Amino acid sequence: SVQNGKAQGSTELGLVTLTAKP
């Protein structure tokens, strides 16, 4: 998930996501 513009790896909808957006 993206929180506060930082890259965060977390389990969402049963999938592991690692996303970074400006």
PDB file of N, CA and C in Angstrom:
ATOM      1  N   SER A   1       0.844  -1.205   0.000  1.00  0.00           N
ATOM      2  CA  SER A   1       0.000   0.000   0.000  1.00  0.00           C
ATOM      3  C   SER A   1       0.874   1.248   0.000  1.00  0.00           C
ATOM      4  N   VAL A   2       0.290   2.324  -0.432  1.00  0.00           N
ATOM      5  CA  VAL A   2       1.029   3.582  -0.403  1.00  0.00           C
ATOM      6  C   VAL A   2       0.480   4.462   0.711  1.00  0.00           C
ATOM      7  N   GLN A   3       1.338   4.820   1.644  1.00  0.00           N
ATOM      8  CA  GLN A   3       0.918   5.681   2.745  1.00  0.00           C
ATOM      9  C   GLN A   3       1.937   6.792   2.933  1.00  0.00           C
ATOM     10  N   ASN A   4       1.440   8.020   2.981  1.00  0.00           N
ATOM     11  CA  ASN A   4       2.315   9.169   3.217  1.00  0.00           C
ATOM     12  C   ASN A   4       3.454   9.245   2.202  1.00  0.00           C
ATOM     13  N   GLY A   5       3.198   8.776   0.977  1.00  0.00           N
ATOM     14  CA  GLY A   5       4.212   8.859  -0.067  1.00  0.00           C
ATOM     15  C   GLY A   5       5.378   7.912   0.139  1.00  0.00           C
ATOM     16  N   LYS A   6       5.222   6.933   1.054  1.00  0.00           N
ATOM     17  CA  LYS A   6       6.309   5.994   1.302  1.00  0.00           C
ATOM     18  C   LYS A   6       5.939   4.610   0.773  1.00  0.00           C
ATOM     19  N   ALA A   7       6.950   3.861   0.417  1.00  0.00           N
ATOM     20  CA  ALA A   7       6.717   2.504  -0.059  1.00  0.00           C
ATOM     21  C   ALA A   7       6.469   1.612   1.151  1.00  0.00           C
ATOM     22  N   GLN A   8       5.382   0.870   1.105  1.00  0.00           N
ATOM     23  CA  GLN A   8       5.054   0.008   2.235  1.00  0.00           C
ATOM     24  C   GLN A   8       4.583  -1.355   1.745  1.00  0.00           C
ATOM     25  N   GLY A   9       5.199  -2.410   2.226  1.00  0.00           N
ATOM     26  CA  GLY A   9       4.787  -3.756   1.854  1.00  0.00           C
ATOM     27  C   GLY A   9       3.768  -4.249   2.861  1.00  0.00           C
ATOM     28  N   SER A  10       2.607  -4.657   2.376  1.00  0.00           N
ATOM     29  CA  SER A  10       1.580  -5.149   3.281  1.00  0.00           C
ATOM     30  C   SER A  10       0.675  -6.122   2.559  1.00  0.00           C
ATOM     31  N   THR A  11      -0.031  -6.937   3.309  1.00  0.00           N
ATOM     32  CA  THR A  11      -0.944  -7.902   2.713  1.00  0.00           C
ATOM     33  C   THR A  11      -2.290  -7.241   2.488  1.00  0.00           C
ATOM     34  N   GLU A  12      -2.673  -7.158   1.233  1.00  0.00           N
ATOM     35  CA  GLU A  12      -3.953  -6.541   0.896  1.00  0.00           C
ATOM     36  C   GLU A  12      -4.713  -7.444  -0.059  1.00  0.00           C
ATOM     37  N   LEU A  13      -5.972  -7.724   0.237  1.00  0.00           N
ATOM     38  CA  LEU A  13      -6.799  -8.579  -0.608  1.00  0.00           C
ATOM     39  C   LEU A  13      -6.118  -9.921  -0.847  1.00  0.00           C
ATOM     40  N   GLY A  14      -5.322 -10.350   0.133  1.00  0.00           N
ATOM     41  CA  GLY A  14      -4.660 -11.644   0.030  1.00  0.00           C
ATOM     42  C   GLY A  14      -3.427 -11.604  -0.851  1.00  0.00           C
ATOM     43  N   LEU A  15      -3.036 -10.412  -1.288  1.00  0.00           N
ATOM     44  CA  LEU A  15      -1.852 -10.287  -2.136  1.00  0.00           C
ATOM     45  C   LEU A  15      -0.831  -9.391  -1.463  1.00  0.00           C
ATOM     46  N   VAL A  16       0.435  -9.728  -1.665  1.00  0.00           N
ATOM     47  CA  VAL A  16       1.500  -8.901  -1.106  1.00  0.00           C
ATOM     48  C   VAL A  16       1.860  -7.832  -2.122  1.00  0.00           C
ATOM     49  N   THR A  17       1.720  -6.575  -1.718  1.00  0.00           N
ATOM     50  CA  THR A  17       1.998  -5.486  -2.647  1.00  0.00           C
ATOM     51  C   THR A  17       3.135  -4.621  -2.147  1.00  0.00           C
ATOM     52  N   LEU A  18       3.944  -4.158  -3.072  1.00  0.00           N
ATOM     53  CA  LEU A  18       5.010  -3.221  -2.721  1.00  0.00           C
ATOM     54  C   LEU A  18       4.981  -2.115  -3.769  1.00  0.00           C
ATOM     55  N   THR A  19       4.390  -0.993  -3.401  1.00  0.00           N
ATOM     56  CA  THR A  19       4.187   0.073  -4.371  1.00  0.00           C
ATOM     57  C   THR A  19       4.738   1.390  -3.859  1.00  0.00           C
ATOM     58  N   ALA A  20       5.405   2.125  -4.742  1.00  0.00           N
ATOM     59  CA  ALA A  20       5.916   3.444  -4.378  1.00  0.00           C
ATOM     60  C   ALA A  20       5.468   4.456  -5.416  1.00  0.00           C
ATOM     61  N   LYS A  21       4.788   5.487  -4.968  1.00  0.00           N
ATOM     62  CA  LYS A  21       4.348   6.541  -5.882  1.00  0.00           C
ATOM     63  C   LYS A  21       4.727   7.906  -5.323  1.00  0.00           C
ATOM     64  N   PRO A  22       5.082   8.821  -6.205  1.00  0.00           N
ATOM     65  CA  PRO A  22       5.478  10.166  -5.776  1.00  0.00           C
ATOM     66  C   PRO A  22       4.295  10.939  -5.195  1.00  0.00           C
TER      67      PRO A  22
END
